[in-house]
PDB file of N, CA and C in Angstrom:
ATOM      1  N   MET A   1     116.126 123.296  91.399  1.00  0.00           N
ATOM      2  CA  MET A   1     116.501 123.171  92.779  1.00  0.00           C
ATOM      3  C   MET A   1     117.278 124.413  93.202  1.00  0.00           C
ATOM      4  N   ASP A   2     118.040 124.987  92.302  1.00  0.00           N
ATOM      5  CA  ASP A   2     118.647 126.266  92.625  1.00  0.00           C
ATOM      6  C   ASP A   2     117.721 127.342  92.070  1.00  0.00           C
ATOM      7  N   ALA A   3     118.201 128.543  91.916  1.00  0.00           N
ATOM      8  CA  ALA A   3     117.353 129.635  91.454  1.00  0.00           C
ATOM      9  C   ALA A   3     116.689 129.274  90.127  1.00  0.00           C
ATOM     10  N   SER A   4     115.376 129.421  90.083  1.00  0.00           N
ATOM     11  CA  SER A   4     114.624 129.110  88.867  1.00  0.00           C
ATOM     12  C   SER A   4     114.623 130.311  87.947  1.00  0.00           C
ATOM     13  N   PRO A   5     114.688 130.082  86.634  1.00  0.00           N
ATOM     14  CA  PRO A   5     114.558 131.197  85.700  1.00  0.00           C
ATOM     15  C   PRO A   5     113.207 131.884  85.892  1.00  0.00           C
ATOM     16  N   ALA A   6     113.131 133.137  85.540  1.00  0.00           N
ATOM     17  CA  ALA A   6     111.891 133.891  85.696  1.00  0.00           C
ATOM     18  C   ALA A   6     110.739 133.149  85.038  1.00  0.00           C
ATOM     19  N   GLY A   7     109.647 132.987  85.762  1.00  0.00           N
ATOM     20  CA  GLY A   7     108.463 132.331  85.237  1.00  0.00           C
ATOM     21  C   GLY A   7     108.469 130.820  85.329  1.00  0.00           C
ATOM     22  N   ALA A   8     109.608 130.217  85.686  1.00  0.00           N
ATOM     23  CA  ALA A   8     109.683 128.756  85.793  1.00  0.00           C
ATOM     24  C   ALA A   8     109.129 128.307  87.140  1.00  0.00           C
ATOM     25  N   PRO A   9     108.477 127.150  87.199  1.00  0.00           N
ATOM     26  CA  PRO A   9     107.980 126.645  88.483  1.00  0.00           C
ATOM     27  C   PRO A   9     109.144 126.389  89.437  1.00  0.00           C
ATOM     28  N   GLU A  10     108.925 126.662  90.699  1.00  0.00           N
ATOM     29  CA  GLU A  10     109.934 126.377  91.717  1.00  0.00           C
ATOM     30  C   GLU A  10     109.773 124.936  92.181  1.00  0.00           C
ATOM     31  N   VAL A  11     110.820 124.138  92.056  1.00  0.00           N
ATOM     32  CA  VAL A  11     110.819 122.751  92.516  1.00  0.00           C
ATOM     33  C   VAL A  11     111.568 122.726  93.839  1.00  0.00           C
ATOM     34  N   SER A  12     110.882 122.328  94.908  1.00  0.00           N
ATOM     35  CA  SER A  12     111.500 122.388  96.232  1.00  0.00           C
ATOM     36  C   SER A  12     112.284 121.132  96.588  1.00  0.00           C
ATOM     37  N   ALA A  13     111.912 119.996  96.027  1.00  0.00           N
ATOM     38  CA  ALA A  13     112.637 118.754  96.305  1.00  0.00           C
ATOM     39  C   ALA A  13     112.212 117.707  95.283  1.00  0.00           C
ATOM     40  N   LEU A  14     113.079 116.743  95.076  1.00  0.00           N
ATOM     41  CA  LEU A  14     112.789 115.592  94.221  1.00  0.00           C
ATOM     42  C   LEU A  14     113.011 114.342  95.059  1.00  0.00           C
ATOM     43  N   ALA A  15     112.208 113.305  94.818  1.00  0.00           N
ATOM     44  CA  ALA A  15     112.360 112.078  95.599  1.00  0.00           C
ATOM     45  C   ALA A  15     112.228 110.860  94.705  1.00  0.00           C
ATOM     46  N   ILE A  16     112.963 109.808  95.048  1.00  0.00           N
ATOM     47  CA  ILE A  16     112.840 108.516  94.376  1.00  0.00           C
ATOM     48  C   ILE A  16     112.757 107.432  95.450  1.00  0.00           C
ATOM     49  N   ASN A  17     112.094 106.348  95.109  1.00  0.00           N
ATOM     50  CA  ASN A  17     112.030 105.178  95.980  1.00  0.00           C
ATOM     51  C   ASN A  17     112.835 104.073  95.320  1.00  0.00           C
ATOM     52  N   VAL A  18     113.683 103.436  96.103  1.00  0.00           N
ATOM     53  CA  VAL A  18     114.620 102.451  95.578  1.00  0.00           C
ATOM     54  C   VAL A  18     114.471 101.142  96.359  1.00  0.00           C
ATOM     55  N   VAL A  19     114.301 100.048  95.643  1.00  0.00           N
ATOM     56  CA  VAL A  19     114.274  98.731  96.279  1.00  0.00           C
ATOM     57  C   VAL A  19     115.705  98.345  96.626  1.00  0.00           C
ATOM     58  N   ILE A  20     115.912  97.903  97.842  1.00  0.00           N
ATOM     59  CA  ILE A  20     117.235  97.432  98.266  1.00  0.00           C
ATOM     60  C   ILE A  20     117.346  95.959  97.864  1.00  0.00           C
ATOM     61  N   PRO A  21     118.322  95.604  97.020  1.00  0.00           N
ATOM     62  CA  PRO A  21     118.478  94.188  96.651  1.00  0.00           C
ATOM     63  C   PRO A  21     118.683  93.331  97.907  1.00  0.00           C
ATOM     64  N   PRO A  22     118.176  92.100  97.885  1.00  0.00           N
ATOM     65  CA  PRO A  22     118.263  91.241  99.070  1.00  0.00           C
ATOM     66  C   PRO A  22     119.664  91.122  99.663  1.00  0.00           C
ATOM     67  N   ASP A  23     120.695  91.092  98.835  1.00  0.00           N
ATOM     68  CA  ASP A  23     122.052  90.920  99.367  1.00  0.00           C
ATOM     69  C   ASP A  23     122.590  92.184 100.047  1.00  0.00           C
ATOM     70  N   LEU A  24     121.906  93.318  99.908  1.00  0.00           N
ATOM     71  CA  LEU A  24     122.345  94.561 100.558  1.00  0.00           C
ATOM     72  C   LEU A  24     121.472  94.945 101.755  1.00  0.00           C
ATOM     73  N   ARG A  25     120.414  94.180 102.002  1.00  0.00           N
ATOM     74  CA  ARG A  25     119.500  94.504 103.100  1.00  0.00           C
ATOM     75  C   ARG A  25     120.161  94.272 104.446  1.00  0.00           C
ATOM     76  N   TRP A  26     119.647  94.926 105.466  1.00  0.00           N
ATOM     77  CA  TRP A  26     120.145  94.792 106.824  1.00  0.00           C
ATOM     78  C   TRP A  26     118.954  94.847 107.774  1.00  0.00           C
ATOM     79  N   THR A  27     119.196  94.539 109.030  1.00  0.00           N
ATOM     80  CA  THR A  27     118.147  94.626 110.041  1.00  0.00           C
ATOM     81  C   THR A  27     118.512  95.703 111.045  1.00  0.00           C
ATOM     82  N   ASP A  28     117.473  96.245 111.668  1.00  0.00           N
ATOM     83  CA  ASP A  28     117.649  97.246 112.717  1.00  0.00           C
ATOM     84  C   ASP A  28     116.451  97.126 113.652  1.00  0.00           C
ATOM     85  N   VAL A  29     116.601  97.633 114.853  1.00  0.00           N
ATOM     86  CA  VAL A  29     115.555  97.513 115.863  1.00  0.00           C
ATOM     87  C   VAL A  29     115.023  98.886 116.228  1.00  0.00           C
ATOM     88  N   ARG A  30     113.701  98.973 116.306  1.00  0.00           N
ATOM     89  CA  ARG A  30     113.040 100.201 116.742  1.00  0.00           C
ATOM     90  C   ARG A  30     111.881  99.802 117.640  1.00  0.00           C
ATOM     91  N   ARG A  31     111.791 100.433 118.794  1.00  0.00           N
ATOM     92  CA  ARG A  31     110.703 100.168 119.757  1.00  0.00           C
ATOM     93  C   ARG A  31     110.591  98.676 120.093  1.00  0.00           C
ATOM     94  N   GLY A  32     111.746  98.029 120.201  1.00  0.00           N
ATOM     95  CA  GLY A  32     111.774  96.618 120.566  1.00  0.00           C
ATOM     96  C   GLY A  32     111.400  95.655 119.463  1.00  0.00           C
ATOM     97  N   GLU A  33     111.218  96.160 118.238  1.00  0.00           N
ATOM     98  CA  GLU A  33     110.839  95.296 117.112  1.00  0.00           C
ATOM     99  C   GLU A  33     111.937  95.353 116.054  1.00  0.00           C
ATOM    100  N   GLU A  34     112.334  94.167 115.547  1.00  0.00           N
ATOM    101  CA  GLU A  34     113.361  94.096 114.513  1.00  0.00           C
ATOM    102  C   GLU A  34     112.725  94.235 113.129  1.00  0.00           C
ATOM    103  N   PHE A  35     113.356  95.045 112.289  1.00  0.00           N
ATOM    104  CA  PHE A  35     112.898  95.271 110.923  1.00  0.00           C
ATOM    105  C   PHE A  35     113.981  94.863 109.940  1.00  0.00           C
ATOM    106  N   GLU A  36     113.573  94.294 108.803  1.00  0.00           N
ATOM    107  CA  GLU A  36     114.479  94.104 107.679  1.00  0.00           C
ATOM    108  C   GLU A  36     114.236  95.280 106.738  1.00  0.00           C
ATOM    109  N   LEU A  37     115.286  96.055 106.461  1.00  0.00           N
ATOM    110  CA  LEU A  37     115.158  97.245 105.631  1.00  0.00           C
ATOM    111  C   LEU A  37     115.199  96.839 104.170  1.00  0.00           C
ATOM    112  N   GLN A  38     114.125  97.228 103.424  1.00  0.00           N
ATOM    113  CA  GLN A  38     113.925  96.752 102.065  1.00  0.00           C
ATOM    114  C   GLN A  38     113.846  97.844 101.018  1.00  0.00           C
ATOM    115  N   SER A  39     113.682  99.100 101.442  1.00  0.00           N
ATOM    116  CA  SER A  39     113.595 100.186 100.463  1.00  0.00           C
ATOM    117  C   SER A  39     114.210 101.458 101.022  1.00  0.00           C
ATOM    118  N   LEU A  40     114.609 102.325 100.098  1.00  0.00           N
ATOM    119  CA  LEU A  40     115.167 103.627 100.449  1.00  0.00           C
ATOM    120  C   LEU A  40     114.312 104.710  99.804  1.00  0.00           C
ATOM    121  N   THR A  41     114.083 105.769 100.528  1.00  0.00           N
ATOM    122  CA  THR A  41     113.504 106.974  99.965  1.00  0.00           C
ATOM    123  C   THR A  41     114.634 107.996  99.931  1.00  0.00           C
ATOM    124  N   VAL A  42     114.967 108.438  98.728  1.00  0.00           N
ATOM    125  CA  VAL A  42     116.082 109.371  98.522  1.00  0.00           C
ATOM    126  C   VAL A  42     115.497 110.702  98.078  1.00  0.00           C
ATOM    127  N   ARG A  43     115.816 111.758  98.804  1.00  0.00           N
ATOM    128  CA  ARG A  43     115.331 113.099  98.452  1.00  0.00           C
ATOM    129  C   ARG A  43     116.516 113.974  98.065  1.00  0.00           C
ATOM    130  N   LEU A  44     116.386 114.650  96.930  1.00  0.00           N
ATOM    131  CA  LEU A  44     117.347 115.662  96.510  1.00  0.00           C
ATOM    132  C   LEU A  44     116.829 116.987  97.057  1.00  0.00           C
ATOM    133  N   LEU A  45     117.564 117.576  97.958  1.00  0.00           N
ATOM    134  CA  LEU A  45     117.139 118.801  98.636  1.00  0.00           C
ATOM    135  C   LEU A  45     117.514 120.038  97.821  1.00  0.00           C
ATOM    136  N   PRO A  46     116.884 121.170  98.126  1.00  0.00           N
ATOM    137  CA  PRO A  46     117.151 122.389  97.354  1.00  0.00           C
ATOM    138  C   PRO A  46     118.624 122.788  97.285  1.00  0.00           C
ATOM    139  N   ASP A  47     119.406 122.441  98.304  1.00  0.00           N
ATOM    140  CA  ASP A  47     120.829 122.812  98.290  1.00  0.00           C
ATOM    141  C   ASP A  47     121.689 121.809  97.522  1.00  0.00           C
ATOM    142  N   GLY A  48     121.054 120.777  96.923  1.00  0.00           N
ATOM    143  CA  GLY A  48     121.784 119.784  96.143  1.00  0.00           C
ATOM    144  C   GLY A  48     122.234 118.574  96.937  1.00  0.00           C
ATOM    145  N   SER A  49     122.044 118.590  98.250  1.00  0.00           N
ATOM    146  CA  SER A  49     122.434 117.441  99.071  1.00  0.00           C
ATOM    147  C   SER A  49     121.328 116.396  99.059  1.00  0.00           C
ATOM    148  N   LEU A  50     121.652 115.198  99.540  1.00  0.00           N
ATOM    149  CA  LEU A  50     120.687 114.098  99.585  1.00  0.00           C
ATOM    150  C   LEU A  50     120.289 113.804 101.026  1.00  0.00           C
ATOM    151  N   ALA A  51     119.043 113.403 101.194  1.00  0.00           N
ATOM    152  CA  ALA A  51     118.549 112.872 102.458  1.00  0.00           C
ATOM    153  C   ALA A  51     118.001 111.481 102.145  1.00  0.00           C
ATOM    154  N   VAL A  52     118.437 110.483 102.907  1.00  0.00           N
ATOM    155  CA  VAL A  52     118.029 109.102 102.639  1.00  0.00           C
ATOM    156  C   VAL A  52     117.453 108.489 103.910  1.00  0.00           C
ATOM    157  N   LYS A  53     116.307 107.854 103.767  1.00  0.00           N
ATOM    158  CA  LYS A  53     115.698 107.100 104.855  1.00  0.00           C
ATOM    159  C   LYS A  53     115.407 105.693 104.348  1.00  0.00           C
ATOM    160  N   ALA A  54     115.572 104.708 105.219  1.00  0.00           N
ATOM    161  CA  ALA A  54     115.304 103.312 104.882  1.00  0.00           C
ATOM    162  C   ALA A  54     114.010 102.870 105.562  1.00  0.00           C
ATOM    163  N   TYR A  55     113.275 102.000 104.875  1.00  0.00           N
ATOM    164  CA  TYR A  55     112.021 101.472 105.400  1.00  0.00           C
ATOM    165  C   TYR A  55     111.984  99.972 105.169  1.00  0.00           C
ATOM    166  N   GLY A  56     111.236  99.257 106.015  1.00  0.00           N
ATOM    167  CA  GLY A  56     111.150  97.816 105.845  1.00  0.00           C
ATOM    168  C   GLY A  56     109.993  97.201 106.580  1.00  0.00           C
ATOM    169  N   ARG A  57     110.082  95.910 106.766  1.00  0.00           N
ATOM    170  CA  ARG A  57     109.022  95.137 107.408  1.00  0.00           C
ATOM    171  C   ARG A  57     109.582  94.453 108.658  1.00  0.00           C
ATOM    172  N   PRO A  58     108.720  94.238 109.638  1.00  0.00           N
ATOM    173  CA  PRO A  58     109.153  93.495 110.825  1.00  0.00           C
ATOM    174  C   PRO A  58     109.595  92.082 110.441  1.00  0.00           C
ATOM    175  N   THR A  59     110.687  91.625 111.002  1.00  0.00           N
ATOM    176  CA  THR A  59     111.172  90.281 110.686  1.00  0.00           C
ATOM    177  C   THR A  59     110.239  89.212 111.244  1.00  0.00           C
ATOM    178  N   ALA A  60     109.441  89.564 112.250  1.00  0.00           N
ATOM    179  CA  ALA A  60     108.496  88.616 112.838  1.00  0.00           C
ATOM    180  C   ALA A  60     107.226  88.477 112.004  1.00  0.00           C
ATOM    181  N   GLY A  61     107.114  89.299 110.941  1.00  0.00           N
ATOM    182  CA  GLY A  61     105.931  89.256 110.090  1.00  0.00           C
ATOM    183  C   GLY A  61     104.953  90.362 110.442  1.00  0.00           C
ATOM    184  N   GLY A  62     103.940  90.474 109.640  1.00  0.00           N
ATOM    185  CA  GLY A  62     102.939  91.513 109.854  1.00  0.00           C
ATOM    186  C   GLY A  62     103.344  92.805 109.186  1.00  0.00           C
ATOM    187  N   ARG A  63     102.446  93.772 109.256  1.00  0.00           N
ATOM    188  CA  ARG A  63     102.692  95.051 108.597  1.00  0.00           C
ATOM    189  C   ARG A  63     103.657  95.921 109.391  1.00  0.00           C
ATOM    190  N   GLY A  64     103.474  95.982 110.688  1.00  0.00           N
ATOM    191  CA  GLY A  64     104.313  96.841 111.499  1.00  0.00           C
ATOM    192  C   GLY A  64     104.044  98.302 111.211  1.00  0.00           C
ATOM    193  N   ALA A  65     104.716  99.151 111.913  1.00  0.00           N
ATOM    194  CA  ALA A  65     104.560 100.592 111.749  1.00  0.00           C
ATOM    195  C   ALA A  65     105.423 101.089 110.596  1.00  0.00           C
ATOM    196  N   TYR A  66     105.037 102.233 110.038  1.00  0.00           N
ATOM    197  CA  TYR A  66     105.833 102.876 108.994  1.00  0.00           C
ATOM    198  C   TYR A  66     106.892 103.709 109.700  1.00  0.00           C
ATOM    199  N   VAL A  67     108.059 103.120 109.888  1.00  0.00           N
ATOM    200  CA  VAL A  67     109.119 103.729 110.679  1.00  0.00           C
ATOM    201  C   VAL A  67     110.353 103.882 109.801  1.00  0.00           C
ATOM    202  N   SER A  68     110.979 105.047 109.866  1.00  0.00           N
ATOM    203  CA  SER A  68     112.181 105.261 109.060  1.00  0.00           C
ATOM    204  C   SER A  68     113.433 104.953 109.873  1.00  0.00           C
ATOM    205  N   PHE A  69     114.467 104.546 109.158  1.00  0.00           N
ATOM    206  CA  PHE A  69     115.777 104.256 109.741  1.00  0.00           C
ATOM    207  C   PHE A  69     116.828 104.987 108.929  1.00  0.00           C
ATOM    208  N   ALA A  70     117.935 105.293 109.556  1.00  0.00           N
ATOM    209  CA  ALA A  70     119.063 105.887 108.828  1.00  0.00           C
ATOM    210  C   ALA A  70     119.701 104.820 107.950  1.00  0.00           C
ATOM    211  N   MET A  71     120.196 105.243 106.795  1.00  0.00           N
ATOM    212  CA  MET A  71     120.943 104.333 105.936  1.00  0.00           C
ATOM    213  C   MET A  71     122.375 104.270 106.453  1.00  0.00           C
ATOM    214  N   PRO A  72     122.902 103.067 106.688  1.00  0.00           N
ATOM    215  CA  PRO A  72     124.307 102.976 107.107  1.00  0.00           C
ATOM    216  C   PRO A  72     125.230 103.543 106.026  1.00  0.00           C
ATOM    217  N   ASP A  73     126.332 104.092 106.436  1.00  0.00           N
ATOM    218  CA  ASP A  73     127.296 104.652 105.487  1.00  0.00           C
ATOM    219  C   ASP A  73     128.186 103.521 104.975  1.00  0.00           C
ATOM    220  N   ARG A  74     127.648 102.780 103.992  1.00  0.00           N
ATOM    221  CA  ARG A  74     128.361 101.662 103.376  1.00  0.00           C
ATOM    222  C   ARG A  74     128.558 101.977 101.905  1.00  0.00           C
ATOM    223  N   PRO A  75     129.745 101.714 101.358  1.00  0.00           N
ATOM    224  CA  PRO A  75     130.025 102.030  99.954  1.00  0.00           C
ATOM    225  C   PRO A  75     129.026 101.415  98.985  1.00  0.00           C
ATOM    226  N   GLU A  76     128.599 100.185  99.243  1.00  0.00           N
ATOM    227  CA  GLU A  76     127.677  99.529  98.321  1.00  0.00           C
ATOM    228  C   GLU A  76     126.293 100.180  98.345  1.00  0.00           C
ATOM    229  N   LEU A  77     125.882 100.736  99.483  1.00  0.00           N
ATOM    230  CA  LEU A  77     124.600 101.444  99.545  1.00  0.00           C
ATOM    231  C   LEU A  77     124.707 102.814  98.885  1.00  0.00           C
ATOM    232  N   ARG A  78     125.848 103.478  99.069  1.00  0.00           N
ATOM    233  CA  ARG A  78     126.070 104.752  98.377  1.00  0.00           C
ATOM    234  C   ARG A  78     126.057 104.534  96.854  1.00  0.00           C
ATOM    235  N   ALA A  79     126.659 103.433  96.408  1.00  0.00           N
ATOM    236  CA  ALA A  79     126.672 103.120  94.972  1.00  0.00           C
ATOM    237  C   ALA A  79     125.256 102.842  94.477  1.00  0.00           C
ATOM    238  N   LEU A  80     124.444 102.150  95.282  1.00  0.00           N
ATOM    239  CA  LEU A  80     123.050 101.889  94.917  1.00  0.00           C
ATOM    240  C   LEU A  80     122.287 103.197  94.753  1.00  0.00           C
ATOM    241  N   VAL A  81     122.458 104.128  95.675  1.00  0.00           N
ATOM    242  CA  VAL A  81     121.783 105.427  95.588  1.00  0.00           C
ATOM    243  C   VAL A  81     122.231 106.171  94.334  1.00  0.00           C
ATOM    244  N   GLY A  82     123.524 106.167  94.045  1.00  0.00           N
ATOM    245  CA  GLY A  82     124.030 106.840  92.850  1.00  0.00           C
ATOM    246  C   GLY A  82     123.473 106.236  91.576  1.00  0.00           C
ATOM    247  N   ALA A  83     123.456 104.905  91.500  1.00  0.00           N
ATOM    248  CA  ALA A  83     122.927 104.228  90.316  1.00  0.00           C
ATOM    249  C   ALA A  83     121.424 104.493  90.170  1.00  0.00           C
ATOM    250  N   ALA A  84     120.711 104.509  91.282  1.00  0.00           N
ATOM    251  CA  ALA A  84     119.267 104.773  91.238  1.00  0.00           C
ATOM    252  C   ALA A  84     118.998 106.212  90.791  1.00  0.00           C
ATOM    253  N   ALA A  85     119.805 107.160  91.235  1.00  0.00           N
ATOM    254  CA  ALA A  85     119.636 108.555  90.805  1.00  0.00           C
ATOM    255  C   ALA A  85     119.860 108.678  89.301  1.00  0.00           C
ATOM    256  N   ASN A  86     120.875 108.002  88.786  1.00  0.00           N
ATOM    257  CA  ASN A  86     121.128 108.024  87.341  1.00  0.00           C
ATOM    258  C   ASN A  86     119.970 107.399  86.566  1.00  0.00           C
ATOM    259  N   ARG A  87     119.434 106.289  87.085  1.00  0.00           N
ATOM    260  CA  ARG A  87     118.300 105.641  86.427  1.00  0.00           C
ATOM    261  C   ARG A  87     117.070 106.548  86.455  1.00  0.00           C
ATOM    262  N   ALA A  88     116.831 107.205  87.574  1.00  0.00           N
ATOM    263  CA  ALA A  88     115.688 108.120  87.680  1.00  0.00           C
ATOM    264  C   ALA A  88     115.824 109.264  86.680  1.00  0.00           C
ATOM    265  N   ALA A  89     117.037 109.784  86.517  1.00  0.00           N
ATOM    266  CA  ALA A  89     117.253 110.864  85.543  1.00  0.00           C
ATOM    267  C   ALA A  89     116.917 110.386  84.130  1.00  0.00           C
ATOM    268  N   GLU A  90     117.317 109.151  83.791  1.00  0.00           N
ATOM    269  CA  GLU A  90     116.986 108.585  82.478  1.00  0.00           C
ATOM    270  C   GLU A  90     115.470 108.497  82.293  1.00  0.00           C
ATOM    271  N   LEU A  91     114.783 108.030  83.326  1.00  0.00           N
ATOM    272  CA  LEU A  91     113.332 107.890  83.247  1.00  0.00           C
ATOM    273  C   LEU A  91     112.654 109.250  83.085  1.00  0.00           C
ATOM    274  N   TRP A  92     113.116 110.270  83.819  1.00  0.00           N
ATOM    275  CA  TRP A  92     112.548 111.613  83.689  1.00  0.00           C
ATOM    276  C   TRP A  92     112.771 112.159  82.279  1.00  0.00           C
ATOM    277  N   ARG A  93     113.991 111.974  81.753  1.00  0.00           N
ATOM    278  CA  ARG A  93     114.288 112.469  80.406  1.00  0.00           C
ATOM    279  C   ARG A  93     113.411 111.814  79.355  1.00  0.00           C
ATOM    280  N   GLY A  94     113.074 110.554  79.567  1.00  0.00           N
ATOM    281  CA  GLY A  94     112.293 109.819  78.580  1.00  0.00           C
ATOM    282  C   GLY A  94     110.797 109.847  78.807  1.00  0.00           C
ATOM    283  N   ASN A  95     110.333 110.664  79.774  1.00  0.00           N
ATOM    284  CA  ASN A  95     108.901 110.642  80.062  1.00  0.00           C
ATOM    285  C   ASN A  95     108.103 111.099  78.845  1.00  0.00           C
ATOM    286  N   THR A  96     106.901 110.550  78.726  1.00  0.00           N
ATOM    287  CA  THR A  96     106.041 110.873  77.575  1.00  0.00           C
ATOM    288  C   THR A  96     104.844 111.727  77.992  1.00  0.00           C
ATOM    289  N   GLY A  97     104.910 112.303  79.165  1.00  0.00           N
ATOM    290  CA  GLY A  97     103.814 113.154  79.622  1.00  0.00           C
ATOM    291  C   GLY A  97     102.645 112.346  80.147  1.00  0.00           C
ATOM    292  N   PHE A  98     101.546 113.016  80.319  1.00  0.00           N
ATOM    293  CA  PHE A  98     100.343 112.352  80.834  1.00  0.00           C
ATOM    294  C   PHE A  98      99.754 111.443  79.775  1.00  0.00           C
ATOM    295  N   GLY A  99      99.327 110.259  80.219  1.00  0.00           N
ATOM    296  CA  GLY A  99      98.766 109.271  79.302  1.00  0.00           C
ATOM    297  C   GLY A  99      97.381 109.553  79.006  1.00  0.00           C
TER     298      GLY A  99
END
C-alpha cells in the first residue's frame, strides 16, 4: 500500500466484506425506501486510511437497489471493523494459494 520494493506488484487497495451481526444492524432511508443495513465493505486505501460503506435490504422486502450508506460512527461498529480486519489478516497469512 505504501511504496513497493523494486519489482514487487503495486497493490492499490484491499477490501473485505463483513456481515453486521443482527444486534448491531440499523435502518436508513434512501429514495423514500427504508433499508436494514446488513453488511459492510471496508477498503484499506493506499494512504493507510479506511473507507467503509454499508449495504442492506429493503425492510419492505424484495431485492431493492444496490445502494451504499455511510457507517454511523459508533464504537461497536468501529470495533467490528477492527476485529474483521484482524480476522482478514489471519486468513491472508494462512492462505494456501490456488486450489
